[in-house]
Amino acid sequence: MNFIPDATVMVQFAIATVVLTITPGPDMTLFVGRALSQGKAAGFACAFGAMTGIVFHTALVALGLSALIVASPQAFFVLKIVGALYLIWLAFQAIRHGSAFSPEVTGKAPRSLARNWATGLGINLLNPKIILFFMTFLPQFVSAHDPHAPGKLFFLGLMFILIALPFTATMVIAADRLANLLKKSPRITRLTDYLFAGVFSAFAIKILTTQAK
């Protein structure tokens, strides 16, 4: 199977993937926050949405489209603005509506799994740092002269998801269990809402300062 990289390459890629997976980012903040507020099913839905975005980014890299986006200052600028506005909107939602288990909103219907999945997908696709990462990270493990490079890139993209899933699942389950403790303290719950709003806002600022290199 020519699309499978060498064992040495896969080991190196696996180590890099683990390090990147446990590094905090907008995706992690989203699915942990949803697991806290709506339970692990919502957290997993957001996480799977983000993973779907990874497949999309991998396809862009394999087809060479990511390089075109980053090479265009106008396209990259628009992507940064849209991504930052999306994160700010999520921050606003966290402050305005609060957590789903807050006493004042317990009667409100929770977001559907499909909506959570779409939110996870959106926050991943609109993050220019993800495009920069996959454009510069994945190609390092494939030779530009390899005729099977596109297949290997897709293989590594799927490998990224498989390696990231156990870590993601652990964080979602831990957040779901922590939610049981937060339910007993509405004040801490509200502070958590502001915490996630602050984190989303910080990532929005970080996205705006991202430079295409």
N, C-alpha and C. Protein backbone atom coordinates (compact mmCIF):
# COMPACT_ATOMS: atom_id res chain seq x y z
N MET A 1 0.84 -1.19 0.00
CA MET A 1 0.00 0.00 0.00
C MET A 1 0.88 1.24 0.00
N ASN A 2 0.96 1.88 -1.15
CA ASN A 2 1.88 2.99 -1.34
C ASN A 2 1.50 4.26 -0.58
N PHE A 3 0.25 4.34 -0.11
CA PHE A 3 -0.18 5.55 0.58
C PHE A 3 0.21 5.56 2.06
N ILE A 4 0.80 4.47 2.56
CA ILE A 4 1.20 4.39 3.97
C ILE A 4 2.66 4.83 4.10
N PRO A 5 2.93 5.85 4.92
CA PRO A 5 4.31 6.32 5.10
C PRO A 5 5.16 5.29 5.83
N ASP A 6 6.47 5.50 5.86
CA ASP A 6 7.38 4.62 6.58
C ASP A 6 7.07 4.65 8.08
N ALA A 7 7.46 3.59 8.78
CA ALA A 7 7.20 3.48 10.22
C ALA A 7 7.85 4.63 10.98
N THR A 8 9.07 4.99 10.60
CA THR A 8 9.77 6.08 11.28
C THR A 8 8.99 7.39 11.15
N VAL A 9 8.47 7.64 9.97
CA VAL A 9 7.70 8.86 9.73
C VAL A 9 6.44 8.85 10.58
N MET A 10 5.77 7.71 10.68
CA MET A 10 4.53 7.64 11.45
C MET A 10 4.78 7.85 12.94
N VAL A 11 5.90 7.32 13.44
CA VAL A 11 6.23 7.53 14.85
C VAL A 11 6.48 9.00 15.13
N GLN A 12 7.25 9.65 14.27
CA GLN A 12 7.52 11.08 14.43
C GLN A 12 6.24 11.90 14.34
N PHE A 13 5.39 11.53 13.41
CA PHE A 13 4.13 12.24 13.24
C PHE A 13 3.23 12.04 14.46
N ALA A 14 3.22 10.83 15.00
CA ALA A 14 2.39 10.53 16.17
C ALA A 14 2.81 11.37 17.37
N ILE A 15 4.11 11.49 17.58
CA ILE A 15 4.63 12.29 18.71
C ILE A 15 4.22 13.75 18.54
N ALA A 16 4.40 14.27 17.34
CA ALA A 16 4.03 15.67 17.08
C ALA A 16 2.53 15.88 17.26
N THR A 17 1.73 14.91 16.84
CA THR A 17 0.28 15.02 16.96
C THR A 17 -0.15 15.08 18.42
N VAL A 18 0.45 14.24 19.27
CA VAL A 18 0.11 14.24 20.69
C VAL A 18 0.40 15.60 21.32
N VAL A 19 1.57 16.14 20.99
CA VAL A 19 1.94 17.45 21.55
C VAL A 19 0.95 18.53 21.12
N LEU A 20 0.57 18.51 19.84
CA LEU A 20 -0.35 19.52 19.32
C LEU A 20 -1.77 19.32 19.85
N THR A 21 -2.15 18.08 20.09
CA THR A 21 -3.50 17.79 20.56
C THR A 21 -3.73 18.33 21.97
N ILE A 22 -2.73 18.23 22.83
CA ILE A 22 -2.90 18.66 24.22
C ILE A 22 -2.60 20.15 24.39
N THR A 23 -2.26 20.84 23.29
CA THR A 23 -2.05 22.28 23.35
C THR A 23 -3.41 22.98 23.26
N PRO A 24 -3.75 23.84 24.22
CA PRO A 24 -5.06 24.49 24.22
C PRO A 24 -5.31 25.32 22.96
N GLY A 25 -6.54 25.33 22.52
CA GLY A 25 -6.93 26.10 21.34
C GLY A 25 -8.43 26.31 21.35
N PRO A 26 -8.96 27.03 20.36
CA PRO A 26 -10.41 27.28 20.31
C PRO A 26 -11.24 25.99 20.26
N ASP A 27 -10.76 24.99 19.52
CA ASP A 27 -11.50 23.73 19.43
C ASP A 27 -11.66 23.09 20.80
N MET A 28 -10.55 22.98 21.52
CA MET A 28 -10.58 22.36 22.83
C MET A 28 -11.49 23.14 23.78
N THR A 29 -11.38 24.46 23.73
CA THR A 29 -12.22 25.29 24.59
C THR A 29 -13.70 25.05 24.31
N LEU A 30 -14.04 24.91 23.03
CA LEU A 30 -15.43 24.71 22.65
C LEU A 30 -15.98 23.39 23.15
N PHE A 31 -15.31 22.27 22.83
CA PHE A 31 -15.94 21.00 23.20
C PHE A 31 -15.87 20.72 24.70
N VAL A 32 -14.89 21.27 25.39
CA VAL A 32 -14.88 21.13 26.85
C VAL A 32 -15.99 21.98 27.45
N GLY A 33 -16.18 23.18 26.91
CA GLY A 33 -17.25 24.04 27.41
C GLY A 33 -18.63 23.43 27.18
N ARG A 34 -18.84 22.85 26.02
CA ARG A 34 -20.14 22.23 25.74
C ARG A 34 -20.36 20.98 26.60
N ALA A 35 -19.28 20.25 26.87
CA ALA A 35 -19.42 19.08 27.74
C ALA A 35 -19.80 19.52 29.15
N LEU A 36 -19.25 20.65 29.60
CA LEU A 36 -19.59 21.18 30.92
C LEU A 36 -21.05 21.62 30.98
N SER A 37 -21.51 22.27 29.92
CA SER A 37 -22.84 22.87 29.97
C SER A 37 -23.96 21.94 29.53
N GLN A 38 -23.68 21.05 28.56
CA GLN A 38 -24.74 20.22 28.01
C GLN A 38 -24.50 18.72 28.13
N GLY A 39 -23.34 18.34 28.63
CA GLY A 39 -23.06 16.92 28.77
C GLY A 39 -22.10 16.41 27.72
N LYS A 40 -21.66 15.17 27.91
CA LYS A 40 -20.62 14.64 27.04
C LYS A 40 -21.08 14.42 25.60
N ALA A 41 -22.39 14.18 25.39
CA ALA A 41 -22.87 13.99 24.02
C ALA A 41 -22.65 15.26 23.20
N ALA A 42 -22.95 16.42 23.80
CA ALA A 42 -22.74 17.69 23.11
C ALA A 42 -21.25 17.94 22.90
N GLY A 43 -20.44 17.60 23.91
CA GLY A 43 -19.00 17.77 23.78
C GLY A 43 -18.43 16.93 22.66
N PHE A 44 -18.87 15.69 22.58
CA PHE A 44 -18.39 14.81 21.52
C PHE A 44 -18.87 15.30 20.16
N ALA A 45 -20.10 15.83 20.08
CA ALA A 45 -20.61 16.34 18.81
C ALA A 45 -19.73 17.49 18.30
N CYS A 46 -19.36 18.41 19.21
CA CYS A 46 -18.46 19.51 18.83
C CYS A 46 -17.10 18.98 18.40
N ALA A 47 -16.60 17.99 19.14
CA ALA A 47 -15.30 17.41 18.82
C ALA A 47 -15.32 16.74 17.45
N PHE A 48 -16.38 16.01 17.15
CA PHE A 48 -16.48 15.34 15.85
C PHE A 48 -16.62 16.37 14.73
N GLY A 49 -17.26 17.50 15.04
CA GLY A 49 -17.33 18.56 14.05
C GLY A 49 -15.94 19.09 13.73
N ALA A 50 -15.14 19.28 14.78
CA ALA A 50 -13.76 19.75 14.59
C ALA A 50 -12.95 18.72 13.81
N MET A 51 -13.16 17.44 14.11
CA MET A 51 -12.44 16.39 13.39
C MET A 51 -12.83 16.37 11.91
N THR A 52 -14.09 16.65 11.64
CA THR A 52 -14.53 16.75 10.24
C THR A 52 -13.79 17.88 9.55
N GLY A 53 -13.58 18.97 10.29
CA GLY A 53 -12.81 20.08 9.74
C GLY A 53 -11.38 19.67 9.42
N ILE A 54 -10.81 18.79 10.25
CA ILE A 54 -9.44 18.31 10.00
C ILE A 54 -9.38 17.56 8.66
N VAL A 55 -10.40 16.76 8.38
CA VAL A 55 -10.46 16.05 7.10
C VAL A 55 -10.48 17.06 5.95
N PHE A 56 -11.26 18.11 6.12
CA PHE A 56 -11.37 19.13 5.10
C PHE A 56 -10.02 19.83 4.88
N HIS A 57 -9.36 20.18 5.98
CA HIS A 57 -8.05 20.85 5.87
C HIS A 57 -7.02 19.93 5.21
N THR A 58 -7.08 18.64 5.54
CA THR A 58 -6.16 17.68 4.93
C THR A 58 -6.37 17.63 3.43
N ALA A 59 -7.64 17.65 3.02
CA ALA A 59 -7.95 17.62 1.59
C ALA A 59 -7.42 18.88 0.90
N LEU A 60 -7.55 20.03 1.58
CA LEU A 60 -7.05 21.27 1.00
C LEU A 60 -5.54 21.21 0.79
N VAL A 61 -4.84 20.66 1.79
CA VAL A 61 -3.39 20.55 1.67
C VAL A 61 -3.02 19.61 0.54
N ALA A 62 -3.70 18.47 0.47
CA ALA A 62 -3.40 17.48 -0.57
C ALA A 62 -3.64 18.05 -1.97
N LEU A 63 -4.63 18.93 -2.08
CA LEU A 63 -4.96 19.52 -3.37
C LEU A 63 -4.20 20.81 -3.63
N GLY A 64 -3.46 21.29 -2.63
CA GLY A 64 -2.68 22.50 -2.79
C GLY A 64 -3.45 23.79 -2.63
N LEU A 65 -4.71 23.73 -2.16
CA LEU A 65 -5.53 24.93 -2.06
C LEU A 65 -5.16 25.80 -0.85
N SER A 66 -4.68 25.16 0.23
CA SER A 66 -4.32 25.93 1.41
C SER A 66 -3.22 26.92 1.10
N ALA A 67 -2.25 26.49 0.29
CA ALA A 67 -1.15 27.38 -0.07
C ALA A 67 -1.66 28.60 -0.83
N LEU A 68 -2.68 28.40 -1.67
CA LEU A 68 -3.24 29.51 -2.42
C LEU A 68 -3.95 30.50 -1.50
N ILE A 69 -4.66 29.97 -0.49
CA ILE A 69 -5.37 30.84 0.45
C ILE A 69 -4.39 31.69 1.25
N VAL A 70 -3.33 31.05 1.75
CA VAL A 70 -2.35 31.77 2.56
C VAL A 70 -1.55 32.74 1.70
N ALA A 71 -1.34 32.38 0.43
CA ALA A 71 -0.56 33.25 -0.45
C ALA A 71 -1.32 34.50 -0.85
N SER A 72 -2.65 34.49 -0.70
CA SER A 72 -3.46 35.65 -1.05
C SER A 72 -3.72 36.49 0.19
N PRO A 73 -3.13 37.67 0.31
CA PRO A 73 -3.33 38.52 1.49
C PRO A 73 -4.81 38.85 1.73
N GLN A 74 -5.57 39.09 0.64
CA GLN A 74 -6.98 39.44 0.79
C GLN A 74 -7.79 38.27 1.36
N ALA A 75 -7.57 37.07 0.79
CA ALA A 75 -8.30 35.90 1.25
C ALA A 75 -7.94 35.57 2.69
N PHE A 76 -6.68 35.68 3.02
CA PHE A 76 -6.24 35.37 4.38
C PHE A 76 -6.80 36.39 5.37
N PHE A 77 -6.86 37.66 4.96
CA PHE A 77 -7.40 38.71 5.83
C PHE A 77 -8.88 38.46 6.12
N VAL A 78 -9.63 38.12 5.08
CA VAL A 78 -11.06 37.83 5.25
C VAL A 78 -11.25 36.64 6.18
N LEU A 79 -10.43 35.61 5.99
CA LEU A 79 -10.52 34.41 6.83
C LEU A 79 -10.26 34.76 8.29
N LYS A 80 -9.28 35.61 8.55
CA LYS A 80 -8.97 36.02 9.92
C LYS A 80 -10.14 36.78 10.54
N ILE A 81 -10.72 37.71 9.80
CA ILE A 81 -11.81 38.52 10.32
C ILE A 81 -13.03 37.64 10.65
N VAL A 82 -13.40 36.77 9.71
CA VAL A 82 -14.56 35.90 9.91
C VAL A 82 -14.32 34.97 11.10
N GLY A 83 -13.13 34.39 11.18
CA GLY A 83 -12.82 33.49 12.28
C GLY A 83 -12.86 34.19 13.62
N ALA A 84 -12.29 35.40 13.69
CA ALA A 84 -12.28 36.16 14.94
C ALA A 84 -13.70 36.55 15.34
N LEU A 85 -14.51 37.00 14.38
CA LEU A 85 -15.89 37.37 14.68
C LEU A 85 -16.69 36.17 15.19
N TYR A 86 -16.42 35.00 14.63
CA TYR A 86 -17.12 33.78 15.08
C TYR A 86 -16.79 33.47 16.53
N LEU A 87 -15.52 33.60 16.90
CA LEU A 87 -15.12 33.36 18.28
C LEU A 87 -15.72 34.40 19.22
N ILE A 88 -15.76 35.65 18.79
CA ILE A 88 -16.37 36.70 19.61
C ILE A 88 -17.85 36.43 19.80
N TRP A 89 -18.51 35.94 18.75
CA TRP A 89 -19.93 35.58 18.86
C TRP A 89 -20.13 34.47 19.88
N LEU A 90 -19.24 33.47 19.87
CA LEU A 90 -19.33 32.39 20.86
C LEU A 90 -19.12 32.93 22.27
N ALA A 91 -18.19 33.88 22.43
CA ALA A 91 -17.96 34.49 23.73
C ALA A 91 -19.21 35.24 24.20
N PHE A 92 -19.83 35.96 23.28
CA PHE A 92 -21.06 36.70 23.60
C PHE A 92 -22.17 35.74 24.02
N GLN A 93 -22.28 34.62 23.30
CA GLN A 93 -23.30 33.63 23.64
C GLN A 93 -23.07 33.05 25.03
N ALA A 94 -21.81 32.82 25.38
CA ALA A 94 -21.50 32.26 26.70
C ALA A 94 -21.92 33.21 27.82
N ILE A 95 -21.70 34.51 27.62
CA ILE A 95 -22.07 35.48 28.64
C ILE A 95 -23.58 35.74 28.66
N ARG A 96 -24.17 35.84 27.49
CA ARG A 96 -25.60 36.18 27.41
C ARG A 96 -26.50 35.04 27.89
N HIS A 97 -26.22 33.84 27.41
CA HIS A 97 -27.11 32.72 27.71
C HIS A 97 -26.61 31.86 28.88
N GLY A 98 -25.30 31.89 29.12
CA GLY A 98 -24.77 31.11 30.21
C GLY A 98 -24.81 29.62 29.94
N SER A 99 -24.44 28.86 30.94
CA SER A 99 -24.40 27.40 30.81
C SER A 99 -25.81 26.82 30.81
N ALA A 100 -25.95 25.72 30.10
CA ALA A 100 -27.26 25.09 29.98
C ALA A 100 -27.78 24.57 31.30
N PHE A 101 -26.89 24.32 32.28
CA PHE A 101 -27.38 23.80 33.55
C PHE A 101 -27.56 24.90 34.60
N SER A 102 -27.44 26.17 34.19
CA SER A 102 -27.68 27.25 35.13
C SER A 102 -29.15 27.26 35.55
N PRO A 103 -29.45 27.59 36.81
CA PRO A 103 -30.83 27.55 37.29
C PRO A 103 -31.79 28.37 36.45
N GLU A 104 -31.33 29.53 35.93
CA GLU A 104 -32.25 30.41 35.21
C GLU A 104 -32.58 29.93 33.81
N VAL A 105 -31.86 28.96 33.28
CA VAL A 105 -32.12 28.52 31.91
C VAL A 105 -32.36 27.02 31.82
N THR A 106 -32.71 26.39 32.93
CA THR A 106 -32.88 24.94 32.91
C THR A 106 -34.04 24.50 32.02
N GLY A 107 -35.01 25.42 31.80
CA GLY A 107 -36.15 25.04 30.98
C GLY A 107 -35.90 25.20 29.49
N LYS A 108 -34.77 25.76 29.16
CA LYS A 108 -34.46 26.00 27.76
C LYS A 108 -33.97 24.73 27.07
N ALA A 109 -34.48 24.50 25.86
CA ALA A 109 -34.08 23.30 25.14
C ALA A 109 -32.60 23.38 24.76
N PRO A 110 -31.83 22.31 25.01
CA PRO A 110 -30.40 22.33 24.67
C PRO A 110 -30.21 22.30 23.16
N ARG A 111 -29.03 22.71 22.73
CA ARG A 111 -28.70 22.66 21.30
C ARG A 111 -28.71 21.21 20.83
N SER A 112 -29.14 21.00 19.59
CA SER A 112 -29.15 19.64 19.04
C SER A 112 -27.72 19.19 18.78
N LEU A 113 -27.55 17.87 18.66
CA LEU A 113 -26.22 17.34 18.37
C LEU A 113 -25.73 17.83 17.01
N ALA A 114 -26.66 17.95 16.06
CA ALA A 114 -26.28 18.43 14.73
C ALA A 114 -25.78 19.87 14.80
N ARG A 115 -26.42 20.68 15.62
CA ARG A 115 -26.01 22.08 15.76
C ARG A 115 -24.64 22.17 16.44
N ASN A 116 -24.43 21.33 17.45
CA ASN A 116 -23.12 21.31 18.11
C ASN A 116 -22.04 20.84 17.14
N TRP A 117 -22.36 19.84 16.33
CA TRP A 117 -21.41 19.36 15.33
C TRP A 117 -21.05 20.49 14.36
N ALA A 118 -22.07 21.22 13.91
CA ALA A 118 -21.83 22.32 12.97
C ALA A 118 -20.99 23.42 13.61
N THR A 119 -21.19 23.67 14.90
CA THR A 119 -20.40 24.68 15.59
C THR A 119 -18.94 24.25 15.66
N GLY A 120 -18.71 22.97 15.97
CA GLY A 120 -17.35 22.45 16.00
C GLY A 120 -16.68 22.52 14.64
N LEU A 121 -17.44 22.22 13.61
CA LEU A 121 -16.91 22.30 12.24
C LEU A 121 -16.57 23.74 11.88
N GLY A 122 -17.48 24.65 12.22
CA GLY A 122 -17.27 26.05 11.88
C GLY A 122 -16.06 26.65 12.56
N ILE A 123 -15.90 26.37 13.86
CA ILE A 123 -14.78 26.96 14.59
C ILE A 123 -13.45 26.41 14.10
N ASN A 124 -13.47 25.20 13.54
CA ASN A 124 -12.25 24.61 12.99
C ASN A 124 -11.93 25.18 11.62
N LEU A 125 -12.93 25.27 10.76
CA LEU A 125 -12.71 25.75 9.40
C LEU A 125 -12.34 27.23 9.35
N LEU A 126 -12.83 28.00 10.34
CA LEU A 126 -12.60 29.44 10.33
C LEU A 126 -11.39 29.86 11.13
N ASN A 127 -10.57 28.90 11.51
CA ASN A 127 -9.36 29.20 12.27
C ASN A 127 -8.16 29.21 11.32
N PRO A 128 -7.64 30.40 10.98
CA PRO A 128 -6.51 30.44 10.03
C PRO A 128 -5.27 29.75 10.55
N LYS A 129 -5.13 29.66 11.88
CA LYS A 129 -3.97 28.96 12.43
C LYS A 129 -3.99 27.48 12.06
N ILE A 130 -5.20 26.91 11.94
CA ILE A 130 -5.30 25.51 11.54
C ILE A 130 -4.80 25.34 10.10
N ILE A 131 -5.19 26.26 9.23
CA ILE A 131 -4.72 26.20 7.85
C ILE A 131 -3.21 26.31 7.79
N LEU A 132 -2.66 27.28 8.56
CA LEU A 132 -1.21 27.45 8.57
C LEU A 132 -0.52 26.20 9.09
N PHE A 133 -1.10 25.61 10.13
CA PHE A 133 -0.51 24.43 10.73
C PHE A 133 -0.46 23.27 9.74
N PHE A 134 -1.60 22.99 9.12
CA PHE A 134 -1.63 21.85 8.20
C PHE A 134 -0.82 22.11 6.94
N MET A 135 -0.75 23.37 6.52
CA MET A 135 0.02 23.67 5.32
C MET A 135 1.52 23.49 5.56
N THR A 136 1.97 23.79 6.80
CA THR A 136 3.40 23.69 7.09
C THR A 136 3.79 22.39 7.79
N PHE A 137 2.81 21.75 8.44
CA PHE A 137 3.11 20.57 9.26
C PHE A 137 3.05 19.28 8.44
N LEU A 138 1.94 19.03 7.79
CA LEU A 138 1.78 17.78 7.05
C LEU A 138 2.85 17.56 5.97
N PRO A 139 3.14 18.58 5.15
CA PRO A 139 4.12 18.35 4.07
C PRO A 139 5.51 17.96 4.55
N GLN A 140 5.83 18.24 5.82
CA GLN A 140 7.15 17.88 6.34
C GLN A 140 7.35 16.37 6.39
N PHE A 141 6.27 15.62 6.37
CA PHE A 141 6.36 14.17 6.50
C PHE A 141 6.19 13.44 5.16
N VAL A 142 6.12 14.22 4.09
CA VAL A 142 5.95 13.62 2.76
C VAL A 142 6.90 14.32 1.79
N SER A 143 7.57 13.56 0.98
CA SER A 143 8.47 14.13 -0.01
C SER A 143 7.68 14.76 -1.16
N ALA A 144 8.11 15.95 -1.56
CA ALA A 144 7.42 16.64 -2.65
C ALA A 144 7.54 15.88 -3.97
N HIS A 145 8.54 15.02 -4.07
CA HIS A 145 8.77 14.26 -5.30
C HIS A 145 8.13 12.87 -5.26
N ASP A 146 7.43 12.57 -4.17
CA ASP A 146 6.78 11.27 -4.03
C ASP A 146 5.48 11.26 -4.84
N PRO A 147 5.35 10.37 -5.81
CA PRO A 147 4.12 10.33 -6.62
C PRO A 147 2.89 9.95 -5.81
N HIS A 148 3.11 9.36 -4.63
CA HIS A 148 1.99 8.95 -3.77
C HIS A 148 1.77 9.95 -2.64
N ALA A 149 2.31 11.17 -2.78
CA ALA A 149 2.21 12.18 -1.73
C ALA A 149 0.77 12.50 -1.34
N PRO A 150 -0.16 12.71 -2.28
CA PRO A 150 -1.54 13.03 -1.88
C PRO A 150 -2.16 11.94 -0.99
N GLY A 151 -1.95 10.66 -1.37
CA GLY A 151 -2.49 9.57 -0.57
C GLY A 151 -1.88 9.53 0.82
N LYS A 152 -0.59 9.81 0.91
CA LYS A 152 0.07 9.81 2.21
C LYS A 152 -0.40 10.96 3.08
N LEU A 153 -0.68 12.10 2.45
CA LEU A 153 -1.20 13.23 3.20
C LEU A 153 -2.57 12.92 3.79
N PHE A 154 -3.42 12.28 3.02
CA PHE A 154 -4.73 11.88 3.53
C PHE A 154 -4.58 10.86 4.65
N PHE A 155 -3.65 9.93 4.50
CA PHE A 155 -3.42 8.92 5.53
C PHE A 155 -2.98 9.60 6.83
N LEU A 156 -2.07 10.55 6.75
CA LEU A 156 -1.58 11.24 7.94
C LEU A 156 -2.68 12.09 8.58
N GLY A 157 -3.53 12.69 7.73
CA GLY A 157 -4.64 13.47 8.28
C GLY A 157 -5.59 12.60 9.09
N LEU A 158 -5.90 11.42 8.57
CA LEU A 158 -6.78 10.49 9.30
C LEU A 158 -6.07 9.94 10.54
N MET A 159 -4.76 9.75 10.42
CA MET A 159 -3.98 9.28 11.56
C MET A 159 -4.00 10.33 12.67
N PHE A 160 -3.95 11.61 12.28
CA PHE A 160 -4.04 12.70 13.25
C PHE A 160 -5.33 12.59 14.07
N ILE A 161 -6.44 12.33 13.37
CA ILE A 161 -7.73 12.22 14.04
C ILE A 161 -7.75 11.03 15.00
N LEU A 162 -7.27 9.87 14.55
CA LEU A 162 -7.28 8.67 15.38
C LEU A 162 -6.44 8.84 16.64
N ILE A 163 -5.32 9.55 16.52
CA ILE A 163 -4.46 9.76 17.69
C ILE A 163 -5.08 10.79 18.62
N ALA A 164 -5.72 11.80 18.05
CA ALA A 164 -6.30 12.87 18.87
C ALA A 164 -7.56 12.43 19.61
N LEU A 165 -8.29 11.47 19.07
CA LEU A 165 -9.57 11.08 19.65
C LEU A 165 -9.49 10.62 21.12
N PRO A 166 -8.53 9.76 21.49
CA PRO A 166 -8.48 9.34 22.91
C PRO A 166 -8.27 10.51 23.87
N PHE A 167 -7.42 11.45 23.49
CA PHE A 167 -7.18 12.62 24.33
C PHE A 167 -8.42 13.51 24.40
N THR A 168 -9.07 13.66 23.25
CA THR A 168 -10.30 14.45 23.21
C THR A 168 -11.38 13.81 24.07
N ALA A 169 -11.54 12.50 23.93
CA ALA A 169 -12.56 11.79 24.70
C ALA A 169 -12.31 11.93 26.20
N THR A 170 -11.06 11.84 26.60
CA THR A 170 -10.72 11.97 28.02
C THR A 170 -11.11 13.33 28.56
N MET A 171 -10.82 14.39 27.79
CA MET A 171 -11.16 15.74 28.24
C MET A 171 -12.67 15.95 28.31
N VAL A 172 -13.39 15.42 27.33
CA VAL A 172 -14.85 15.58 27.32
C VAL A 172 -15.48 14.85 28.50
N ILE A 173 -15.04 13.62 28.76
CA ILE A 173 -15.60 12.84 29.87
C ILE A 173 -15.27 13.50 31.20
N ALA A 174 -14.04 14.01 31.33
CA ALA A 174 -13.65 14.69 32.57
C ALA A 174 -14.50 15.94 32.78
N ALA A 175 -14.75 16.69 31.70
CA ALA A 175 -15.58 17.90 31.80
C ALA A 175 -17.01 17.54 32.18
N ASP A 176 -17.51 16.45 31.63
CA ASP A 176 -18.87 16.01 31.94
C ASP A 176 -19.00 15.68 33.43
N ARG A 177 -18.00 15.04 33.98
CA ARG A 177 -18.03 14.70 35.40
C ARG A 177 -17.87 15.94 36.28
N LEU A 178 -17.04 16.88 35.81
CA LEU A 178 -16.87 18.12 36.56
C LEU A 178 -18.16 18.92 36.59
N ALA A 179 -18.97 18.78 35.55
CA ALA A 179 -20.24 19.51 35.50
C ALA A 179 -21.14 19.18 36.68
N ASN A 180 -21.09 17.93 37.14
CA ASN A 180 -21.91 17.53 38.29
C ASN A 180 -21.56 18.33 39.53
N LEU A 181 -20.29 18.69 39.67
CA LEU A 181 -19.87 19.51 40.81
C LEU A 181 -20.29 20.96 40.61
N LEU A 182 -20.19 21.45 39.38
CA LEU A 182 -20.54 22.83 39.11
C LEU A 182 -22.04 23.09 39.28
N LYS A 183 -22.85 22.08 39.05
CA LYS A 183 -24.29 22.25 39.19
C LYS A 183 -24.67 22.64 40.62
N LYS A 184 -23.84 22.27 41.57
CA LYS A 184 -24.13 22.57 42.97
C LYS A 184 -23.76 24.00 43.34
N SER A 185 -23.08 24.70 42.45
CA SER A 185 -22.65 26.07 42.75
C SER A 185 -22.91 26.97 41.56
N PRO A 186 -24.09 27.61 41.50
CA PRO A 186 -24.42 28.51 40.39
C PRO A 186 -23.39 29.64 40.22
N ARG A 187 -22.82 30.12 41.31
CA ARG A 187 -21.85 31.21 41.21
C ARG A 187 -20.59 30.76 40.46
N ILE A 188 -20.10 29.56 40.79
CA ILE A 188 -18.94 29.03 40.07
C ILE A 188 -19.30 28.77 38.62
N THR A 189 -20.53 28.30 38.40
CA THR A 189 -21.00 28.06 37.03
C THR A 189 -20.94 29.34 36.21
N ARG A 190 -21.39 30.45 36.79
CA ARG A 190 -21.38 31.72 36.06
C ARG A 190 -19.95 32.19 35.81
N LEU A 191 -19.07 31.98 36.77
CA LEU A 191 -17.67 32.33 36.57
C LEU A 191 -17.06 31.52 35.43
N THR A 192 -17.51 30.27 35.31
CA THR A 192 -17.04 29.42 34.22
C THR A 192 -17.47 29.98 32.87
N ASP A 193 -18.71 30.51 32.81
CA ASP A 193 -19.18 31.13 31.57
C ASP A 193 -18.27 32.28 31.16
N TYR A 194 -17.93 33.13 32.12
CA TYR A 194 -17.05 34.27 31.82
C TYR A 194 -15.65 33.80 31.47
N LEU A 195 -15.21 32.71 32.08
CA LEU A 195 -13.89 32.17 31.77
C LEU A 195 -13.82 31.74 30.32
N PHE A 196 -14.82 30.98 29.87
CA PHE A 196 -14.82 30.52 28.48
C PHE A 196 -14.99 31.69 27.53
N ALA A 197 -15.79 32.68 27.90
CA ALA A 197 -15.94 33.87 27.06
C ALA A 197 -14.60 34.59 26.91
N GLY A 198 -13.87 34.68 28.02
CA GLY A 198 -12.56 35.32 27.98
C GLY A 198 -11.57 34.56 27.12
N VAL A 199 -11.61 33.22 27.21
CA VAL A 199 -10.70 32.40 26.41
C VAL A 199 -11.01 32.54 24.92
N PHE A 200 -12.30 32.50 24.56
CA PHE A 200 -12.68 32.67 23.16
C PHE A 200 -12.24 34.04 22.65
N SER A 201 -12.40 35.08 23.47
CA SER A 201 -11.99 36.42 23.07
C SER A 201 -10.48 36.50 22.87
N ALA A 202 -9.73 35.83 23.76
CA ALA A 202 -8.28 35.83 23.65
C ALA A 202 -7.83 35.15 22.36
N PHE A 203 -8.49 34.04 22.02
CA PHE A 203 -8.15 33.35 20.77
C PHE A 203 -8.54 34.19 19.56
N ALA A 204 -9.62 34.98 19.67
CA ALA A 204 -10.02 35.86 18.58
C ALA A 204 -8.92 36.88 18.31
N ILE A 205 -8.38 37.47 19.38
CA ILE A 205 -7.27 38.43 19.24
C ILE A 205 -6.04 37.76 18.65
N LYS A 206 -5.79 36.52 19.10
CA LYS A 206 -4.63 35.79 18.60
C LYS A 206 -4.76 35.51 17.10
N ILE A 207 -5.98 35.18 16.67
CA ILE A 207 -6.22 34.92 15.25
C ILE A 207 -5.98 36.18 14.43
N LEU A 208 -6.42 37.33 14.95
CA LEU A 208 -6.26 38.59 14.23
C LEU A 208 -4.79 38.97 14.06
N THR A 209 -3.95 38.49 14.95
CA THR A 209 -2.52 38.81 14.86
C THR A 209 -1.72 37.75 14.10
N THR A 210 -2.43 36.73 13.61
CA THR A 210 -1.75 35.68 12.85
C THR A 210 -1.27 36.22 11.52
N GLN A 211 -0.05 35.91 11.19
CA GLN A 211 0.54 36.35 9.93
C GLN A 211 0.79 35.16 9.02
N ALA A 212 0.53 35.31 7.76
CA ALA A 212 0.81 34.26 6.77
C ALA A 212 2.29 34.33 6.44
N LYS A 213 3.02 33.25 6.69
CA LYS A 213 4.45 33.24 6.43
C LYS A 213 4.80 32.17 5.41
